[in-house]
Amino acid sequence: LQMNSLKPEDTAVYYCAAVQSYFSNVYYYRRSEYAYWGQGT
């Protein structure tokens, strides 16, 4: 995640997440769709 022009409102813990996908060109934006999560940074 390349983050440019950062603002104070971007302050947060950032998490990456993964979901198994049978379609190579589909993305997911709902939190509930993701099965795996990192610990955050």
Full PDB file with SEQRES, HELIX, SHEET, SSBOND, CRYST1, ORIGX, SCALE, CONECT and MASTER records, all heavy atoms in Angstrom:
SEQRES   1 A   41  LEU GLN MET ASN SER LEU LYS PRO GLU ASP THR ALA VAL          
SEQRES   2 A   41  TYR TYR CYS ALA ALA VAL GLN SER TYR PHE SER ASN VAL          
SEQRES   3 A   41  TYR TYR TYR ARG ARG SER GLU TYR ALA TYR TRP GLY GLN          
SEQRES   4 A   41  GLY THR                                                      
HELIX    1 AA1 PRO A    8  ASP A   10  5                                   3    
HELIX    2 AA2 ARG A   31  GLU A   33  5                                   3    
SHEET    1 AA1 2 ALA A  17  ALA A  18  0                                        
SHEET    2 AA1 2 TYR A  36  TRP A  37 -1                                        
CRYST1    1.000    1.000    1.000  90.00  90.00  90.00 P 1           1          
ORIGX1      1.000000  0.000000  0.000000        0.00000                         
ORIGX2      0.000000  1.000000  0.000000        0.00000                         
ORIGX3      0.000000  0.000000  1.000000        0.00000                         
SCALE1      1.000000  0.000000  0.000000        0.00000                         
SCALE2      0.000000  1.000000  0.000000        0.00000                         
SCALE3      0.000000  0.000000  1.000000        0.00000                         
ATOM      1  N   LEU A   1       0.864  -1.172   0.000  1.00  0.00           N  
ATOM      2  CA  LEU A   1       0.000   0.000   0.000  1.00  0.00           C  
ATOM      3  C   LEU A   1       0.906   1.228   0.000  1.00  0.00           C  
ATOM      4  O   LEU A   1       1.541   1.538   1.011  1.00  0.00           O  
ATOM      5  CB  LEU A   1      -0.925   0.023   1.218  1.00  0.00           C  
ATOM      6  CG  LEU A   1      -1.950   1.160   1.210  1.00  0.00           C  
ATOM      7  CD1 LEU A   1      -2.970   0.961   0.081  1.00  0.00           C  
ATOM      8  CD2 LEU A   1      -2.670   1.257   2.557  1.00  0.00           C  
ATOM      9  N   GLN A   2       0.986   1.876  -1.148  1.00  0.00           N  
ATOM     10  CA  GLN A   2       1.749   3.119  -1.258  1.00  0.00           C  
ATOM     11  C   GLN A   2       0.848   4.270  -0.854  1.00  0.00           C  
ATOM     12  O   GLN A   2      -0.213   4.459  -1.461  1.00  0.00           O  
ATOM     13  CB  GLN A   2       2.248   3.314  -2.690  1.00  0.00           C  
ATOM     14  CG  GLN A   2       3.005   4.607  -2.914  1.00  0.00           C  
ATOM     15  CD  GLN A   2       4.322   4.655  -2.161  1.00  0.00           C  
ATOM     16  OE1 GLN A   2       5.067   3.683  -2.140  1.00  0.00           O  
ATOM     17  NE2 GLN A   2       4.613   5.798  -1.542  1.00  0.00           N  
ATOM     18  N   MET A   3       1.282   5.010   0.158  1.00  0.00           N  
ATOM     19  CA  MET A   3       0.458   6.096   0.687  1.00  0.00           C  
ATOM     20  C   MET A   3       1.197   7.413   0.494  1.00  0.00           C  
ATOM     21  O   MET A   3       2.281   7.604   1.059  1.00  0.00           O  
ATOM     22  CB  MET A   3       0.179   5.856   2.180  1.00  0.00           C  
ATOM     23  CG  MET A   3      -0.458   4.506   2.460  1.00  0.00           C  
ATOM     24  SD  MET A   3      -0.941   4.300   4.190  1.00  0.00           S  
ATOM     25  CE  MET A   3       0.650   4.320   4.980  1.00  0.00           C  
ATOM     26  N   ASN A   4       0.624   8.276  -0.305  1.00  0.00           N  
ATOM     27  CA  ASN A   4       1.205   9.589  -0.576  1.00  0.00           C  
ATOM     28  C   ASN A   4       0.317  10.690  -0.009  1.00  0.00           C  
ATOM     29  O   ASN A   4      -0.866  10.460   0.289  1.00  0.00           O  
ATOM     30  CB  ASN A   4       1.382   9.794  -2.080  1.00  0.00           C  
ATOM     31  CG  ASN A   4       2.316   8.786  -2.703  1.00  0.00           C  
ATOM     32  OD1 ASN A   4       3.244   8.291  -2.058  1.00  0.00           O  
ATOM     33  ND2 ASN A   4       2.071   8.461  -3.960  1.00  0.00           N  
ATOM     34  N   SER A   5       0.889  11.862   0.133  1.00  0.00           N  
ATOM     35  CA  SER A   5       0.128  13.024   0.626  1.00  0.00           C  
ATOM     36  C   SER A   5      -0.654  12.686   1.884  1.00  0.00           C  
ATOM     37  O   SER A   5      -1.858  12.965   1.987  1.00  0.00           O  
ATOM     38  CB  SER A   5      -0.828  13.536  -0.468  1.00  0.00           C  
ATOM     39  OG  SER A   5      -0.120  13.869  -1.638  1.00  0.00           O  
ATOM     40  N   LEU A   6       0.020  12.107   2.837  1.00  0.00           N  
ATOM     41  CA  LEU A   6      -0.650  11.652   4.055  1.00  0.00           C  
ATOM     42  C   LEU A   6      -1.222  12.819   4.846  1.00  0.00           C  
ATOM     43  O   LEU A   6      -0.647  13.922   4.873  1.00  0.00           O  
ATOM     44  CB  LEU A   6       0.318  10.842   4.906  1.00  0.00           C  
ATOM     45  CG  LEU A   6       0.526   9.398   4.422  1.00  0.00           C  
ATOM     46  CD1 LEU A   6       1.805   8.808   4.987  1.00  0.00           C  
ATOM     47  CD2 LEU A   6      -0.672   8.544   4.781  1.00  0.00           C  
ATOM     48  N   LYS A   7      -2.350  12.548   5.481  1.00  0.00           N  
ATOM     49  CA  LYS A   7      -3.058  13.544   6.286  1.00  0.00           C  
ATOM     50  C   LYS A   7      -3.184  13.030   7.721  1.00  0.00           C  
ATOM     51  O   LYS A   7      -3.175  11.808   7.941  1.00  0.00           O  
ATOM     52  CB  LYS A   7      -4.452  13.782   5.713  1.00  0.00           C  
ATOM     53  CG  LYS A   7      -4.483  14.184   4.256  1.00  0.00           C  
ATOM     54  CD  LYS A   7      -5.917  14.276   3.764  1.00  0.00           C  
ATOM     55  CE  LYS A   7      -5.987  14.652   2.294  1.00  0.00           C  
ATOM     56  NZ  LYS A   7      -7.380  14.735   1.807  1.00  0.00           N  
ATOM     57  N   PRO A   8      -3.345  13.927   8.676  1.00  0.00           N  
ATOM     58  CA  PRO A   8      -3.533  13.460  10.066  1.00  0.00           C  
ATOM     59  C   PRO A   8      -4.701  12.487  10.209  1.00  0.00           C  
ATOM     60  O   PRO A   8      -4.635  11.554  11.026  1.00  0.00           O  
ATOM     61  CB  PRO A   8      -3.783  14.761  10.827  1.00  0.00           C  
ATOM     62  CG  PRO A   8      -3.045  15.795  10.047  1.00  0.00           C  
ATOM     63  CD  PRO A   8      -3.198  15.394   8.610  1.00  0.00           C  
ATOM     64  N   GLU A   9      -5.738  12.651   9.407  1.00  0.00           N  
ATOM     65  CA  GLU A   9      -6.884  11.739   9.493  1.00  0.00           C  
ATOM     66  C   GLU A   9      -6.592  10.346   8.958  1.00  0.00           C  
ATOM     67  O   GLU A   9      -7.430   9.448   9.072  1.00  0.00           O  
ATOM     68  CB  GLU A   9      -8.108  12.325   8.775  1.00  0.00           C  
ATOM     69  CG  GLU A   9      -7.845  12.816   7.372  1.00  0.00           C  
ATOM     70  CD  GLU A   9      -7.574  14.302   7.315  1.00  0.00           C  
ATOM     71  OE1 GLU A   9      -6.803  14.825   8.175  1.00  0.00           O  
ATOM     72  OE2 GLU A   9      -8.120  14.965   6.399  1.00  0.00           O  
ATOM     73  N   ASP A  10      -5.425  10.145   8.372  1.00  0.00           N  
ATOM     74  CA  ASP A  10      -5.007   8.807   7.954  1.00  0.00           C  
ATOM     75  C   ASP A  10      -4.402   8.015   9.118  1.00  0.00           C  
ATOM     76  O   ASP A  10      -4.090   6.830   8.960  1.00  0.00           O  
ATOM     77  CB  ASP A  10      -3.975   8.889   6.830  1.00  0.00           C  
ATOM     78  CG  ASP A  10      -4.541   9.470   5.548  1.00  0.00           C  
ATOM     79  OD1 ASP A  10      -5.681   9.127   5.202  1.00  0.00           O  
ATOM     80  OD2 ASP A  10      -3.835  10.274   4.900  1.00  0.00           O  
ATOM     81  N   THR A  11      -4.231   8.655  10.260  1.00  0.00           N  
ATOM     82  CA  THR A  11      -3.671   7.981  11.429  1.00  0.00           C  
ATOM     83  C   THR A  11      -4.567   6.830  11.863  1.00  0.00           C  
ATOM     84  O   THR A  11      -5.764   7.014  12.084  1.00  0.00           O  
ATOM     85  CB  THR A  11      -3.507   8.978  12.588  1.00  0.00           C  
ATOM     86  OG1 THR A  11      -2.534   9.953  12.224  1.00  0.00           O  
ATOM     87  CG2 THR A  11      -3.062   8.264  13.855  1.00  0.00           C  
ATOM     88  N   ALA A  12      -3.982   5.640  11.934  1.00  0.00           N  
ATOM     89  CA  ALA A  12      -4.750   4.436  12.275  1.00  0.00           C  
ATOM     90  C   ALA A  12      -3.796   3.248  12.327  1.00  0.00           C  
ATOM     91  O   ALA A  12      -2.641   3.350  11.913  1.00  0.00           O  
ATOM     92  CB  ALA A  12      -5.838   4.174  11.240  1.00  0.00           C  
ATOM     93  N   VAL A  13      -4.327   2.136  12.799  1.00  0.00           N  
ATOM     94  CA  VAL A  13      -3.654   0.857  12.625  1.00  0.00           C  
ATOM     95  C   VAL A  13      -4.130   0.286  11.291  1.00  0.00           C  
ATOM     96  O   VAL A  13      -5.336   0.211  11.039  1.00  0.00           O  
ATOM     97  CB  VAL A  13      -3.966  -0.117  13.766  1.00  0.00           C  
ATOM     98  CG1 VAL A  13      -3.299  -1.464  13.506  1.00  0.00           C  
ATOM     99  CG2 VAL A  13      -3.506   0.457  15.101  1.00  0.00           C  
ATOM    100  N   TYR A  14      -3.178  -0.082  10.458  1.00  0.00           N  
ATOM    101  CA  TYR A  14      -3.498  -0.597   9.129  1.00  0.00           C  
ATOM    102  C   TYR A  14      -3.344  -2.122   9.117  1.00  0.00           C  
ATOM    103  O   TYR A  14      -2.318  -2.646   9.555  1.00  0.00           O  
ATOM    104  CB  TYR A  14      -2.590   0.034   8.087  1.00  0.00           C  
ATOM    105  CG  TYR A  14      -3.013   1.443   7.740  1.00  0.00           C  
ATOM    106  CD1 TYR A  14      -2.821   2.489   8.638  1.00  0.00           C  
ATOM    107  CD2 TYR A  14      -3.619   1.729   6.522  1.00  0.00           C  
ATOM    108  CE1 TYR A  14      -3.228   3.775   8.348  1.00  0.00           C  
ATOM    109  CE2 TYR A  14      -4.021   3.022   6.211  1.00  0.00           C  
ATOM    110  CZ  TYR A  14      -3.827   4.033   7.127  1.00  0.00           C  
ATOM    111  OH  TYR A  14      -4.231   5.302   6.827  1.00  0.00           O  
ATOM    112  N   TYR A  15      -4.371  -2.783   8.600  1.00  0.00           N  
ATOM    113  CA  TYR A  15      -4.407  -4.239   8.546  1.00  0.00           C  
ATOM    114  C   TYR A  15      -4.500  -4.713   7.105  1.00  0.00           C  
ATOM    115  O   TYR A  15      -5.249  -4.133   6.311  1.00  0.00           O  
ATOM    116  CB  TYR A  15      -5.625  -4.779   9.281  1.00  0.00           C  
ATOM    117  CG  TYR A  15      -5.678  -4.453  10.752  1.00  0.00           C  
ATOM    118  CD1 TYR A  15      -6.280  -3.282  11.202  1.00  0.00           C  
ATOM    119  CD2 TYR A  15      -5.140  -5.319  11.697  1.00  0.00           C  
ATOM    120  CE1 TYR A  15      -6.342  -2.980  12.546  1.00  0.00           C  
ATOM    121  CE2 TYR A  15      -5.202  -5.023  13.051  1.00  0.00           C  
ATOM    122  CZ  TYR A  15      -5.801  -3.852  13.457  1.00  0.00           C  
ATOM    123  OH  TYR A  15      -5.865  -3.550  14.809  1.00  0.00           O  
ATOM    124  N   CYS A  16      -3.764  -5.760   6.779  1.00  0.00           N  
ATOM    125  CA  CYS A  16      -4.016  -6.408   5.497  1.00  0.00           C  
ATOM    126  C   CYS A  16      -4.861  -7.651   5.747  1.00  0.00           C  
ATOM    127  O   CYS A  16      -4.867  -8.211   6.854  1.00  0.00           O  
ATOM    128  CB  CYS A  16      -2.729  -6.743   4.759  1.00  0.00           C  
ATOM    129  SG  CYS A  16      -1.767  -8.097   5.415  1.00  0.00           S  
ATOM    130  N   ALA A  17      -5.574  -8.051   4.713  1.00  0.00           N  
ATOM    131  CA  ALA A  17      -6.491  -9.180   4.818  1.00  0.00           C  
ATOM    132  C   ALA A  17      -6.494  -9.963   3.516  1.00  0.00           C  
ATOM    133  O   ALA A  17      -6.188  -9.412   2.455  1.00  0.00           O  
ATOM    134  CB  ALA A  17      -7.895  -8.677   5.145  1.00  0.00           C  
ATOM    135  N   ALA A  18      -6.866 -11.238   3.631  1.00  0.00           N  
ATOM    136  CA  ALA A  18      -6.864 -12.127   2.473  1.00  0.00           C  
ATOM    137  C   ALA A  18      -8.147 -12.937   2.406  1.00  0.00           C  
ATOM    138  O   ALA A  18      -8.710 -13.323   3.446  1.00  0.00           O  
ATOM    139  CB  ALA A  18      -5.660 -13.071   2.534  1.00  0.00           C  
ATOM    140  N   VAL A  19      -8.578 -13.200   1.183  1.00  0.00           N  
ATOM    141  CA  VAL A  19      -9.729 -14.070   0.961  1.00  0.00           C  
ATOM    142  C   VAL A  19      -9.446 -14.905  -0.276  1.00  0.00           C  
ATOM    143  O   VAL A  19      -8.992 -14.394  -1.302  1.00  0.00           O  
ATOM    144  CB  VAL A  19     -11.036 -13.254   0.795  1.00  0.00           C  
ATOM    145  CG1 VAL A  19     -10.929 -12.211  -0.291  1.00  0.00           C  
ATOM    146  CG2 VAL A  19     -12.212 -14.182   0.541  1.00  0.00           C  
ATOM    147  N   GLN A  20      -9.731 -16.201  -0.171  1.00  0.00           N  
ATOM    148  CA  GLN A  20      -9.522 -17.077  -1.320  1.00  0.00           C  
ATOM    149  C   GLN A  20     -10.517 -16.703  -2.414  1.00  0.00           C  
ATOM    150  O   GLN A  20     -11.711 -16.537  -2.141  1.00  0.00           O  
ATOM    151  CB  GLN A  20      -9.688 -18.535  -0.935  1.00  0.00           C  
ATOM    152  CG  GLN A  20      -9.275 -19.488  -2.049  1.00  0.00           C  
ATOM    153  CD  GLN A  20      -9.177 -20.923  -1.581  1.00  0.00           C  
ATOM    154  OE1 GLN A  20      -9.630 -21.271  -0.483  1.00  0.00           O  
ATOM    155  NE2 GLN A  20      -8.577 -21.768  -2.390  1.00  0.00           N  
ATOM    156  N   SER A  21     -10.013 -16.551  -3.608  1.00  0.00           N  
ATOM    157  CA  SER A  21     -10.868 -16.103  -4.708  1.00  0.00           C  
ATOM    158  C   SER A  21     -10.718 -17.041  -5.892  1.00  0.00           C  
ATOM    159  O   SER A  21      -9.609 -17.328  -6.337  1.00  0.00           O  
ATOM    160  CB  SER A  21     -10.483 -14.689  -5.133  1.00  0.00           C  
ATOM    161  OG  SER A  21     -11.260 -14.263  -6.234  1.00  0.00           O  
ATOM    162  N   TYR A  22     -11.851 -17.503  -6.412  1.00  0.00           N  
ATOM    163  CA  TYR A  22     -11.838 -18.391  -7.573  1.00  0.00           C  
ATOM    164  C   TYR A  22     -11.851 -17.603  -8.880  1.00  0.00           C  
ATOM    165  O   TYR A  22     -11.815 -18.198  -9.959  1.00  0.00           O  
ATOM    166  CB  TYR A  22     -13.013 -19.348  -7.495  1.00  0.00           C  
ATOM    167  CG  TYR A  22     -12.925 -20.242  -6.284  1.00  0.00           C  
ATOM    168  CD1 TYR A  22     -13.651 -19.959  -5.130  1.00  0.00           C  
ATOM    169  CD2 TYR A  22     -12.090 -21.354  -6.267  1.00  0.00           C  
ATOM    170  CE1 TYR A  22     -13.558 -20.760  -4.011  1.00  0.00           C  
ATOM    171  CE2 TYR A  22     -11.990 -22.162  -5.150  1.00  0.00           C  
ATOM    172  CZ  TYR A  22     -12.725 -21.857  -4.024  1.00  0.00           C  
ATOM    173  OH  TYR A  22     -12.623 -22.652  -2.911  1.00  0.00           O  
ATOM    174  N   PHE A  23     -11.922 -16.293  -8.761  1.00  0.00           N  
ATOM    175  CA  PHE A  23     -11.944 -15.437  -9.926  1.00  0.00           C  
ATOM    176  C   PHE A  23     -10.759 -14.480  -9.847  1.00  0.00           C  
ATOM    177  O   PHE A  23     -10.618 -13.753  -8.884  1.00  0.00           O  
ATOM    178  CB  PHE A  23     -13.258 -14.656  -9.983  1.00  0.00           C  
ATOM    179  CG  PHE A  23     -14.467 -15.530  -9.949  1.00  0.00           C  
ATOM    180  CD1 PHE A  23     -15.158 -15.730  -8.761  1.00  0.00           C  
ATOM    181  CD2 PHE A  23     -14.906 -16.181 -11.087  1.00  0.00           C  
ATOM    182  CE1 PHE A  23     -16.260 -16.538  -8.707  1.00  0.00           C  
ATOM    183  CE2 PHE A  23     -16.014 -16.997 -11.051  1.00  0.00           C  
ATOM    184  CZ  PHE A  23     -16.697 -17.182  -9.861  1.00  0.00           C  
ATOM    185  N   SER A  24      -9.944 -14.481 -10.873  1.00  0.00           N  
ATOM    186  CA  SER A  24      -8.692 -13.724 -10.813  1.00  0.00           C  
ATOM    187  C   SER A  24      -8.881 -12.230 -10.911  1.00  0.00           C  
ATOM    188  O   SER A  24      -7.956 -11.466 -10.596  1.00  0.00           O  
ATOM    189  CB  SER A  24      -7.765 -14.192 -11.935  1.00  0.00           C  
ATOM    190  OG  SER A  24      -8.354 -13.922 -13.198  1.00  0.00           O  
ATOM    191  N   ASN A  25     -10.065 -11.780 -11.353  1.00  0.00           N  
ATOM    192  CA  ASN A  25     -10.271 -10.348 -11.568  1.00  0.00           C  
ATOM    193  C   ASN A  25     -11.335  -9.758 -10.647  1.00  0.00           C  
ATOM    194  O   ASN A  25     -11.935  -8.738 -10.965  1.00  0.00           O  
ATOM    195  CB  ASN A  25     -10.648 -10.090 -13.026  1.00  0.00           C  
ATOM    196  CG  ASN A  25     -11.941 -10.783 -13.409  1.00  0.00           C  
ATOM    197  OD1 ASN A  25     -12.424 -11.633 -12.678  1.00  0.00           O  
ATOM    198  ND2 ASN A  25     -12.493 -10.430 -14.538  1.00  0.00           N  
ATOM    199  N   VAL A  26     -11.570 -10.381  -9.530  1.00  0.00           N  
ATOM    200  CA  VAL A  26     -12.563  -9.903  -8.571  1.00  0.00           C  
ATOM    201  C   VAL A  26     -11.876  -9.384  -7.322  1.00  0.00           C  
ATOM    202  O   VAL A  26     -10.961 -10.019  -6.796  1.00  0.00           O  
ATOM    203  CB  VAL A  26     -13.542 -11.031  -8.203  1.00  0.00           C  
ATOM    204  CG1 VAL A  26     -14.477 -10.580  -7.082  1.00  0.00           C  
ATOM    205  CG2 VAL A  26     -14.339 -11.454  -9.426  1.00  0.00           C  
ATOM    206  N   TYR A  27     -12.304  -8.218  -6.842  1.00  0.00           N  
ATOM    207  CA  TYR A  27     -11.812  -7.700  -5.574  1.00  0.00           C  
ATOM    208  C   TYR A  27     -12.969  -7.666  -4.571  1.00  0.00           C  
ATOM    209  O   TYR A  27     -14.139  -7.765  -4.953  1.00  0.00           O  
ATOM    210  CB  TYR A  27     -11.200  -6.302  -5.735  1.00  0.00           C  
ATOM    211  CG  TYR A  27     -12.100  -5.288  -6.378  1.00  0.00           C  
ATOM    212  CD1 TYR A  27     -13.173  -4.718  -5.693  1.00  0.00           C  
ATOM    213  CD2 TYR A  27     -11.878  -4.886  -7.695  1.00  0.00           C  
ATOM    214  CE1 TYR A  27     -14.000  -3.790  -6.288  1.00  0.00           C  
ATOM    215  CE2 TYR A  27     -12.708  -3.958  -8.299  1.00  0.00           C  
ATOM    216  CZ  TYR A  27     -13.766  -3.413  -7.594  1.00  0.00           C  
ATOM    217  OH  TYR A  27     -14.582  -2.499  -8.190  1.00  0.00           O  
ATOM    218  N   TYR A  28     -12.619  -7.530  -3.317  1.00  0.00           N  
ATOM    219  CA  TYR A  28     -13.606  -7.550  -2.238  1.00  0.00           C  
ATOM    220  C   TYR A  28     -13.376  -6.337  -1.342  1.00  0.00           C  
ATOM    221  O   TYR A  28     -12.233  -6.023  -1.001  1.00  0.00           O  
ATOM    222  CB  TYR A  28     -13.475  -8.838  -1.428  1.00  0.00           C  
ATOM    223  CG  TYR A  28     -13.626 -10.077  -2.273  1.00  0.00           C  
ATOM    224  CD1 TYR A  28     -12.531 -10.610  -2.954  1.00  0.00           C  
ATOM    225  CD2 TYR A  28     -14.860 -10.698  -2.401  1.00  0.00           C  
ATOM    226  CE1 TYR A  28     -12.665 -11.736  -3.748  1.00  0.00           C  
ATOM    227  CE2 TYR A  28     -14.998 -11.827  -3.189  1.00  0.00           C  
ATOM    228  CZ  TYR A  28     -13.901 -12.343  -3.866  1.00  0.00           C  
ATOM    229  OH  TYR A  28     -14.043 -13.446  -4.646  1.00  0.00           O  
ATOM    230  N   TYR A  29     -14.452  -5.666  -0.955  1.00  0.00           N  
ATOM    231  CA  TYR A  29     -14.291  -4.480  -0.119  1.00  0.00           C  
ATOM    232  C   TYR A  29     -15.056  -4.550   1.197  1.00  0.00           C  
ATOM    233  O   TYR A  29     -14.976  -3.627   2.007  1.00  0.00           O  
ATOM    234  CB  TYR A  29     -14.682  -3.220  -0.892  1.00  0.00           C  
ATOM    235  CG  TYR A  29     -16.080  -3.232  -1.433  1.00  0.00           C  
ATOM    236  CD1 TYR A  29     -17.149  -2.793  -0.657  1.00  0.00           C  
ATOM    237  CD2 TYR A  29     -16.338  -3.680  -2.726  1.00  0.00           C  
ATOM    238  CE1 TYR A  29     -18.431  -2.802  -1.147  1.00  0.00           C  
ATOM    239  CE2 TYR A  29     -17.620  -3.688  -3.226  1.00  0.00           C  
ATOM    240  CZ  TYR A  29     -18.675  -3.246  -2.442  1.00  0.00           C  
ATOM    241  OH  TYR A  29     -19.941  -3.252  -2.944  1.00  0.00           O  
ATOM    242  N   ARG A  30     -15.769  -5.617   1.417  1.00  0.00           N  
ATOM    243  CA  ARG A  30     -16.490  -5.768   2.694  1.00  0.00           C  
ATOM    244  C   ARG A  30     -15.612  -6.517   3.691  1.00  0.00           C  
ATOM    245  O   ARG A  30     -15.043  -7.562   3.376  1.00  0.00           O  
ATOM    246  CB  ARG A  30     -17.797  -6.516   2.471  1.00  0.00           C  
ATOM    247  CG  ARG A  30     -18.787  -5.792   1.589  1.00  0.00           C  
ATOM    248  CD  ARG A  30     -20.086  -6.566   1.494  1.00  0.00           C  
ATOM    249  NE  ARG A  30     -21.062  -5.908   0.648  1.00  0.00           N  
ATOM    250  CZ  ARG A  30     -21.158  -6.093  -0.662  1.00  0.00           C  
ATOM    251  NH1 ARG A  30     -20.325  -6.926  -1.258  1.00  0.00           N  
ATOM    252  NH2 ARG A  30     -22.055  -5.449  -1.352  1.00  0.00           N  
ATOM    253  N   ARG A  31     -15.528  -5.991   4.874  1.00  0.00           N  
ATOM    254  CA  ARG A  31     -14.709  -6.617   5.903  1.00  0.00           C  
ATOM    255  C   ARG A  31     -15.117  -8.063   6.145  1.00  0.00           C  
ATOM    256  O   ARG A  31     -14.270  -8.930   6.352  1.00  0.00           O  
ATOM    257  CB  ARG A  31     -14.836  -5.798   7.197  1.00  0.00           C  
ATOM    258  CG  ARG A  31     -13.898  -6.192   8.308  1.00  0.00           C  
ATOM    259  CD  ARG A  31     -14.082  -5.246   9.482  1.00  0.00           C  
ATOM    260  NE  ARG A  31     -15.417  -5.281  10.021  1.00  0.00           N  
ATOM    261  CZ  ARG A  31     -15.872  -4.447  10.944  1.00  0.00           C  
ATOM    262  NH1 ARG A  31     -15.082  -3.511  11.434  1.00  0.00           N  
ATOM    263  NH2 ARG A  31     -17.101  -4.531  11.388  1.00  0.00           N  
ATOM    264  N   SER A  32     -16.418  -8.340   6.115  1.00  0.00           N  
ATOM    265  CA  SER A  32     -16.922  -9.679   6.406  1.00  0.00           C  
ATOM    266  C   SER A  32     -16.503 -10.713   5.368  1.00  0.00           C  
ATOM    267  O   SER A  32     -16.594 -11.916   5.621  1.00  0.00           O  
ATOM    268  CB  SER A  32     -18.443  -9.651   6.505  1.00  0.00           C  
ATOM    269  OG  SER A  32     -19.005  -9.210   5.276  1.00  0.00           O  
ATOM    270  N   GLU A  33     -16.064 -10.281   4.216  1.00  0.00           N  
ATOM    271  CA  GLU A  33     -15.675 -11.217   3.156  1.00  0.00           C  
ATOM    272  C   GLU A  33     -14.274 -11.783   3.359  1.00  0.00           C  
ATOM    273  O   GLU A  33     -13.920 -12.776   2.726  1.00  0.00           O  
ATOM    274  CB  GLU A  33     -15.765 -10.527   1.797  1.00  0.00           C  
ATOM    275  CG  GLU A  33     -17.186 -10.163   1.398  1.00  0.00           C  
ATOM    276  CD  GLU A  33     -17.251  -9.360   0.123  1.00  0.00           C  
ATOM    277  OE1 GLU A  33     -16.532  -8.349   0.013  1.00  0.00           O  
ATOM    278  OE2 GLU A  33     -18.027  -9.745  -0.779  1.00  0.00           O  
ATOM    279  N   TYR A  34     -13.500 -11.154   4.213  1.00  0.00           N  
ATOM    280  CA  TYR A  34     -12.113 -11.571   4.395  1.00  0.00           C  
ATOM    281  C   TYR A  34     -11.969 -12.586   5.514  1.00  0.00           C  
ATOM    282  O   TYR A  34     -12.528 -12.418   6.597  1.00  0.00           O  
ATOM    283  CB  TYR A  34     -11.229 -10.351   4.666  1.00  0.00           C  
ATOM    284  CG  TYR A  34     -10.977  -9.555   3.413  1.00  0.00           C  
ATOM    285  CD1 TYR A  34     -11.855  -8.554   3.009  1.00  0.00           C  
ATOM    286  CD2 TYR A  34      -9.870  -9.822   2.620  1.00  0.00           C  
ATOM    287  CE1 TYR A  34     -11.637  -7.836   1.848  1.00  0.00           C  
ATOM    288  CE2 TYR A  34      -9.638  -9.111   1.453  1.00  0.00           C  
ATOM    289  CZ  TYR A  34     -10.531  -8.117   1.075  1.00  0.00           C  
ATOM    290  OH  TYR A  34     -10.299  -7.417  -0.082  1.00  0.00           O  
ATOM    291  N   ALA A  35     -11.189 -13.628   5.240  1.00  0.00           N  
ATOM    292  CA  ALA A  35     -11.051 -14.724   6.198  1.00  0.00           C  
ATOM    293  C   ALA A  35      -9.792 -14.625   7.048  1.00  0.00           C  
ATOM    294  O   ALA A  35      -9.756 -15.170   8.157  1.00  0.00           O  
ATOM    295  CB  ALA A  35     -11.053 -16.054   5.452  1.00  0.00           C  
ATOM    296  N   TYR A  36      -8.775 -13.967   6.510  1.00  0.00           N  
ATOM    297  CA  TYR A  36      -7.484 -13.937   7.208  1.00  0.00           C  
ATOM    298  C   TYR A  36      -7.035 -12.493   7.383  1.00  0.00           C  
ATOM    299  O   TYR A  36      -7.190 -11.677   6.470  1.00  0.00           O  
ATOM    300  CB  TYR A  36      -6.431 -14.721   6.408  1.00  0.00           C  
ATOM    301  CG  TYR A  36      -6.834 -16.138   6.148  1.00  0.00           C  
ATOM    302  CD1 TYR A  36      -7.375 -16.520   4.924  1.00  0.00           C  
ATOM    303  CD2 TYR A  36      -6.703 -17.113   7.142  1.00  0.00           C  
ATOM    304  CE1 TYR A  36      -7.754 -17.821   4.684  1.00  0.00           C  
ATOM    305  CE2 TYR A  36      -7.092 -18.417   6.916  1.00  0.00           C  
ATOM    306  CZ  TYR A  36      -7.622 -18.761   5.678  1.00  0.00           C  
ATOM    307  OH  TYR A  36      -8.008 -20.057   5.458  1.00  0.00           O  
ATOM    308  N   TRP A  37      -6.428 -12.230   8.549  1.00  0.00           N  
ATOM    309  CA  TRP A  37      -6.027 -10.879   8.906  1.00  0.00           C  
ATOM    310  C   TRP A  37      -4.625 -10.888   9.494  1.00  0.00           C  
ATOM    311  O   TRP A  37      -4.226 -11.823  10.197  1.00  0.00           O  
ATOM    312  CB  TRP A  37      -6.995 -10.284   9.923  1.00  0.00           C  
ATOM    313  CG  TRP A  37      -8.358 -10.065   9.368  1.00  0.00           C  
ATOM    314  CD1 TRP A  37      -9.366 -10.984   9.269  1.00  0.00           C  
ATOM    315  CD2 TRP A  37      -8.869  -8.859   8.826  1.00  0.00           C  
ATOM    316  NE1 TRP A  37     -10.465 -10.413   8.687  1.00  0.00           N  
ATOM    317  CE2 TRP A  37     -10.191  -9.102   8.408  1.00  0.00           C  
ATOM    318  CE3 TRP A  37      -8.341  -7.575   8.643  1.00  0.00           C  
ATOM    319  CZ2 TRP A  37     -10.990  -8.127   7.818  1.00  0.00           C  
ATOM    320  CZ3 TRP A  37      -9.125  -6.606   8.063  1.00  0.00           C  
ATOM    321  CH2 TRP A  37     -10.440  -6.880   7.661  1.00  0.00           C  
ATOM    322  N   GLY A  38      -3.887  -9.806   9.234  1.00  0.00           N  
ATOM    323  CA  GLY A  38      -2.619  -9.608   9.902  1.00  0.00           C  
ATOM    324  C   GLY A  38      -2.820  -8.949  11.253  1.00  0.00           C  
ATOM    325  O   GLY A  38      -3.951  -8.657  11.665  1.00  0.00           O  
ATOM    326  N   GLN A  39      -1.704  -8.686  11.924  1.00  0.00           N  
ATOM    327  CA  GLN A  39      -1.769  -8.125  13.267  1.00  0.00           C  
ATOM    328  C   GLN A  39      -1.823  -6.598  13.264  1.00  0.00           C  
ATOM    329  O   GLN A  39      -2.097  -5.989  14.303  1.00  0.00           O  
ATOM    330  CB  GLN A  39      -0.553  -8.583  14.086  1.00  0.00           C  
ATOM    331  CG  GLN A  39       0.723  -7.778  13.879  1.00  0.00           C  
ATOM    332  CD  GLN A  39       1.365  -7.967  12.518  1.00  0.00           C  
ATOM    333  OE1 GLN A  39       1.004  -8.890  11.770  1.00  0.00           O  
ATOM    334  NE2 GLN A  39       2.315  -7.113  12.181  1.00  0.00           N  
ATOM    335  N   GLY A  40      -1.561  -5.998  12.124  1.00  0.00           N  
ATOM    336  CA  GLY A  40      -1.662  -4.557  11.987  1.00  0.00           C  
ATOM    337  C   GLY A  40      -0.338  -3.840  12.162  1.00  0.00           C  
ATOM    338  O   GLY A  40       0.576  -4.340  12.830  1.00  0.00           O  
ATOM    339  N   THR A  41      -0.247  -2.662  11.563  1.00  0.00           N  
ATOM    340  CA  THR A  41       0.921  -1.801  11.720  1.00  0.00           C  
ATOM    341  C   THR A  41       0.436  -0.364  11.906  1.00  0.00           C  
ATOM    342  O   THR A  41      -0.481   0.088  11.211  1.00  0.00           O  
ATOM    343  CB  THR A  41       1.878  -1.913  10.516  1.00  0.00           C  
ATOM    344  OG1 THR A  41       3.058  -1.148  10.760  1.00  0.00           O  
ATOM    345  CG2 THR A  41       1.231  -1.447   9.217  1.00  0.00           C  
TER     346      THR A  41                                                      
MASTER        0    0    0    2    2    0    0    6  345    1    0    4          
END                                                                             
